[in-house]
Amino acid sequence: MPEAPAPVFSSVIPYINLEGAAAASELYQKAFGATEVFRLPADDGKRLMHCHLQINGGDVMISDCFPEHGADMAYQPSSSFTLHLQVDDIQAWVKRAVDAGMTVSMPVQRMFWGDDFGKLVDRFKVNWSLGETPRS
C-alpha cells in the first residue's frame, strides 16, 4: 500500500485526466523539473488513479482516464485550458521543455503587459504557457 499523500499547499490545483498519466509524469519531470510527490497505481497495473506533482512551487494532479467511471477524453477537451508557469530564465525553461519533447505553439516574445511570454503543447495535448517578468 502506498504511503499517505503529501499535503497540498496551494489554493487552486489543476487536476488533469489524460491517457498515459505515468508517461505524462515522466515528461513533466524532464520538461519542467517536476517532482513526483505521490503515485497511486490503478488495480489494472497499467493506469494511474492519482499522481501528485509539484512544478515550480505549485501542485498539479494527474490521472489516467477511466471511461468506466465517467472520465473519458471525449468529454475533456484539453484545448479549453492552459497551465501557466511564471518562471525566471524563460528561454532555459522553453529549451528544456522542447528537448523533452514538447512543441512550441507560440514563440517567446515581449507582450504588451511587459512580460516575455510563450506557449507550448505536449503530446497529451495539454497547453502550457510560460511567462517571465524582465528585471529592470
C-alpha atoms as a PDB file:
ATOM      1  CA  MET A   1       0.000   0.000   0.000  1.00  0.00           C
ATOM      2  CA  PRO A   2       1.422   3.441  -0.913  1.00  0.00           C
ATOM      3  CA  GLU A   3       2.248   5.969   1.766  1.00  0.00           C
ATOM      4  CA  ALA A   4      -0.292   8.659   2.567  1.00  0.00           C
ATOM      5  CA  PRO A   5      -0.324  11.504   0.057  1.00  0.00           C
ATOM      6  CA  ALA A   6       1.716  14.603   0.808  1.00  0.00           C
ATOM      7  CA  PRO A   7      -0.248  17.644   1.907  1.00  0.00           C
ATOM      8  CA  VAL A   8      -1.207  20.147  -0.768  1.00  0.00           C
ATOM      9  CA  PHE A   9      -0.400  23.785  -0.068  1.00  0.00           C
ATOM     10  CA  SER A  10      -1.769  25.804  -2.984  1.00  0.00           C
ATOM     11  CA  SER A  11      -5.339  27.011  -3.217  1.00  0.00           C
ATOM     12  CA  VAL A  12      -6.485  26.127  -6.755  1.00  0.00           C
ATOM     13  CA  ILE A  13      -4.991  22.914  -8.057  1.00  0.00           C
ATOM     14  CA  PRO A  14      -5.316  21.727 -11.634  1.00  0.00           C
ATOM     15  CA  TYR A  15      -6.341  18.089 -11.904  1.00  0.00           C
ATOM     16  CA  ILE A  16      -5.888  16.663 -15.390  1.00  0.00           C
ATOM     17  CA  ASN A  17      -7.283  13.378 -16.663  1.00  0.00           C
ATOM     18  CA  LEU A  18      -5.352  12.136 -19.671  1.00  0.00           C
ATOM     19  CA  GLU A  19      -4.355   8.980 -21.448  1.00  0.00           C
ATOM     20  CA  GLY A  20      -0.897   7.960 -20.235  1.00  0.00           C
ATOM     21  CA  ALA A  21      -0.515   9.617 -16.820  1.00  0.00           C
ATOM     22  CA  ALA A  22       2.705   7.751 -15.990  1.00  0.00           C
ATOM     23  CA  ALA A  23       4.290   8.925 -19.257  1.00  0.00           C
ATOM     24  CA  ALA A  24       2.974  12.455 -18.621  1.00  0.00           C
ATOM     25  CA  SER A  25       4.603  12.458 -15.188  1.00  0.00           C
ATOM     26  CA  GLU A  26       7.922  11.435 -16.747  1.00  0.00           C
ATOM     27  CA  LEU A  27       7.586  14.151 -19.385  1.00  0.00           C
ATOM     28  CA  TYR A  28       6.777  16.871 -16.832  1.00  0.00           C
ATOM     29  CA  GLN A  29       9.743  15.789 -14.724  1.00  0.00           C
ATOM     30  CA  LYS A  30      12.061  16.185 -17.733  1.00  0.00           C
ATOM     31  CA  ALA A  31      10.399  19.252 -19.247  1.00  0.00           C
ATOM     32  CA  PHE A  32       9.669  21.309 -16.136  1.00  0.00           C
ATOM     33  CA  GLY A  33      11.750  19.742 -13.356  1.00  0.00           C
ATOM     34  CA  ALA A  34       8.590  18.377 -11.726  1.00  0.00           C
ATOM     35  CA  THR A  35       8.841  16.288  -8.598  1.00  0.00           C
ATOM     36  CA  GLU A  36       6.502  13.342  -8.255  1.00  0.00           C
ATOM     37  CA  VAL A  37       5.247  13.538  -4.687  1.00  0.00           C
ATOM     38  CA  PHE A  38       2.759  10.669  -4.692  1.00  0.00           C
ATOM     39  CA  ARG A  39       1.623   7.954  -7.110  1.00  0.00           C
ATOM     40  CA  LEU A  40      -1.336   5.595  -6.766  1.00  0.00           C
ATOM     41  CA  PRO A  41      -1.485   2.901  -9.458  1.00  0.00           C
ATOM     42  CA  ALA A  42      -4.836   1.505 -10.580  1.00  0.00           C
ATOM     43  CA  ASP A  43      -5.746  -2.111  -9.948  1.00  0.00           C
ATOM     44  CA  ASP A  44      -5.152  -2.919 -13.624  1.00  0.00           C
ATOM     45  CA  GLY A  45      -1.426  -2.218 -13.162  1.00  0.00           C
ATOM     46  CA  LYS A  46      -1.392  -0.016 -16.282  1.00  0.00           C
ATOM     47  CA  ARG A  47      -3.080   3.255 -15.367  1.00  0.00           C
ATOM     48  CA  LEU A  48      -2.613   5.719 -12.529  1.00  0.00           C
ATOM     49  CA  MET A  49      -5.570   6.537 -10.325  1.00  0.00           C
ATOM     50  CA  HIS A  50      -3.751   9.565  -8.956  1.00  0.00           C
ATOM     51  CA  CYS A  51      -0.401  11.281  -9.312  1.00  0.00           C
ATOM     52  CA  HIS A  52       0.615  14.405  -7.378  1.00  0.00           C
ATOM     53  CA  LEU A  53       3.330  16.532  -8.953  1.00  0.00           C
ATOM     54  CA  GLN A  54       4.997  19.717  -7.813  1.00  0.00           C
ATOM     55  CA  ILE A  55       6.118  22.034 -10.590  1.00  0.00           C
ATOM     56  CA  ASN A  56       7.868  25.330  -9.938  1.00  0.00           C
ATOM     57  CA  GLY A  57       6.441  25.520  -6.402  1.00  0.00           C
ATOM     58  CA  GLY A  58       2.858  24.598  -7.327  1.00  0.00           C
ATOM     59  CA  ASP A  59       0.804  21.435  -7.221  1.00  0.00           C
ATOM     60  CA  VAL A  60      -0.621  19.615 -10.252  1.00  0.00           C
ATOM     61  CA  MET A  61      -2.623  16.408 -10.073  1.00  0.00           C
ATOM     62  CA  ILE A  62      -2.944  13.972 -12.967  1.00  0.00           C
ATOM     63  CA  SER A  63      -4.599  10.636 -13.538  1.00  0.00           C
ATOM     64  CA  ASP A  64      -5.416   8.364 -16.398  1.00  0.00           C
ATOM     65  CA  CYS A  65      -8.870   8.439 -17.911  1.00  0.00           C
ATOM     66  CA  PHE A  66     -11.297   5.915 -16.529  1.00  0.00           C
ATOM     67  CA  PRO A  67     -14.184   5.818 -19.032  1.00  0.00           C
ATOM     68  CA  GLU A  68     -15.786   3.077 -16.960  1.00  0.00           C
ATOM     69  CA  HIS A  69     -16.191   5.704 -14.206  1.00  0.00           C
ATOM     70  CA  GLY A  70     -17.180   8.644 -16.418  1.00  0.00           C
ATOM     71  CA  ALA A  71     -13.721  10.159 -17.002  1.00  0.00           C
ATOM     72  CA  ASP A  72     -13.497   9.913 -20.783  1.00  0.00           C
ATOM     73  CA  MET A  73     -11.235  12.031 -23.009  1.00  0.00           C
ATOM     74  CA  ALA A  74     -14.170  12.734 -25.334  1.00  0.00           C
ATOM     75  CA  TYR A  75     -15.662  14.961 -22.635  1.00  0.00           C
ATOM     76  CA  GLN A  76     -12.455  16.691 -21.579  1.00  0.00           C
ATOM     77  CA  PRO A  77     -11.080  18.830 -24.389  1.00  0.00           C
ATOM     78  CA  SER A  78      -7.607  19.940 -23.291  1.00  0.00           C
ATOM     79  CA  SER A  79      -7.679  22.800 -25.785  1.00  0.00           C
ATOM     80  CA  SER A  80     -10.064  24.602 -23.437  1.00  0.00           C
ATOM     81  CA  PHE A  81      -7.430  25.231 -20.748  1.00  0.00           C
ATOM     82  CA  THR A  82      -3.814  26.294 -20.363  1.00  0.00           C
ATOM     83  CA  LEU A  83      -1.495  25.696 -17.422  1.00  0.00           C
ATOM     84  CA  HIS A  84       0.741  28.711 -16.799  1.00  0.00           C
ATOM     85  CA  LEU A  85       4.205  28.808 -15.233  1.00  0.00           C
ATOM     86  CA  GLN A  86       5.739  32.121 -14.181  1.00  0.00           C
ATOM     87  CA  VAL A  87       9.487  31.483 -14.286  1.00  0.00           C
ATOM     88  CA  ASP A  88      12.940  33.000 -14.234  1.00  0.00           C
ATOM     89  CA  ASP A  89      15.004  32.406 -17.402  1.00  0.00           C
ATOM     90  CA  ILE A  90      12.111  31.592 -19.727  1.00  0.00           C
ATOM     91  CA  GLN A  91      14.432  30.652 -22.595  1.00  0.00           C
ATOM     92  CA  ALA A  92      16.041  27.907 -20.491  1.00  0.00           C
ATOM     93  CA  TRP A  93      12.602  26.588 -19.468  1.00  0.00           C
ATOM     94  CA  VAL A  94      11.411  26.511 -23.082  1.00  0.00           C
ATOM     95  CA  LYS A  95      14.604  24.799 -24.279  1.00  0.00           C
ATOM     96  CA  ARG A  96      14.340  22.118 -21.583  1.00  0.00           C
ATOM     97  CA  ALA A  97      10.666  21.519 -22.476  1.00  0.00           C
ATOM     98  CA  VAL A  98      11.404  21.278 -26.206  1.00  0.00           C
ATOM     99  CA  ASP A  99      14.352  18.959 -25.527  1.00  0.00           C
ATOM    100  CA  ALA A 100      11.938  16.757 -23.529  1.00  0.00           C
ATOM    101  CA  GLY A 101       9.555  16.548 -26.488  1.00  0.00           C
ATOM    102  CA  MET A 102       7.161  19.470 -26.168  1.00  0.00           C
ATOM    103  CA  THR A 103       6.265  21.650 -29.141  1.00  0.00           C
ATOM    104  CA  VAL A 104       6.374  25.447 -29.233  1.00  0.00           C
ATOM    105  CA  SER A 105       2.932  26.717 -30.216  1.00  0.00           C
ATOM    106  CA  MET A 106       3.841  30.386 -29.717  1.00  0.00           C
ATOM    107  CA  PRO A 107       7.476  31.525 -29.597  1.00  0.00           C
ATOM    108  CA  VAL A 108       8.570  33.632 -26.633  1.00  0.00           C
ATOM    109  CA  GLN A 109       8.040  37.324 -27.259  1.00  0.00           C
ATOM    110  CA  ARG A 110       7.685  40.532 -25.280  1.00  0.00           C
ATOM    111  CA  MET A 111       3.989  41.120 -24.628  1.00  0.00           C
ATOM    112  CA  PHE A 112       2.027  44.338 -24.201  1.00  0.00           C
ATOM    113  CA  TRP A 113       1.819  43.800 -20.423  1.00  0.00           C
ATOM    114  CA  GLY A 114       5.634  43.716 -20.210  1.00  0.00           C
ATOM    115  CA  ASP A 115       6.354  40.007 -19.689  1.00  0.00           C
ATOM    116  CA  ASP A 116       8.199  37.689 -22.022  1.00  0.00           C
ATOM    117  CA  PHE A 117       5.613  35.044 -22.864  1.00  0.00           C
ATOM    118  CA  GLY A 118       5.398  31.861 -24.922  1.00  0.00           C
ATOM    119  CA  LYS A 119       3.299  28.725 -25.283  1.00  0.00           C
ATOM    120  CA  LEU A 120       3.971  25.003 -25.551  1.00  0.00           C
ATOM    121  CA  VAL A 121       1.837  21.934 -26.143  1.00  0.00           C
ATOM    122  CA  ASP A 122       2.725  18.420 -25.037  1.00  0.00           C
ATOM    123  CA  ARG A 123       1.921  15.096 -26.678  1.00  0.00           C
ATOM    124  CA  PHE A 124      -1.087  14.723 -24.375  1.00  0.00           C
ATOM    125  CA  LYS A 125      -2.499  17.912 -25.951  1.00  0.00           C
ATOM    126  CA  VAL A 126      -2.125  19.877 -22.729  1.00  0.00           C
ATOM    127  CA  ASN A 127      -1.400  23.556 -23.361  1.00  0.00           C
ATOM    128  CA  TRP A 128       1.259  25.289 -21.274  1.00  0.00           C
ATOM    129  CA  SER A 129       2.210  28.949 -21.174  1.00  0.00           C
ATOM    130  CA  LEU A 130       5.338  30.405 -19.649  1.00  0.00           C
ATOM    131  CA  GLY A 131       5.951  33.953 -18.580  1.00  0.00           C
ATOM    132  CA  GLU A 132       8.878  35.893 -17.227  1.00  0.00           C
ATOM    133  CA  THR A 133       8.817  39.412 -15.863  1.00  0.00           C
ATOM    134  CA  PRO A 134      12.020  41.067 -17.089  1.00  0.00           C
ATOM    135  CA  ARG A 135      14.211  42.503 -14.375  1.00  0.00           C
ATOM    136  CA  SER A 136      14.823  46.209 -14.649  1.00  0.00           C
END
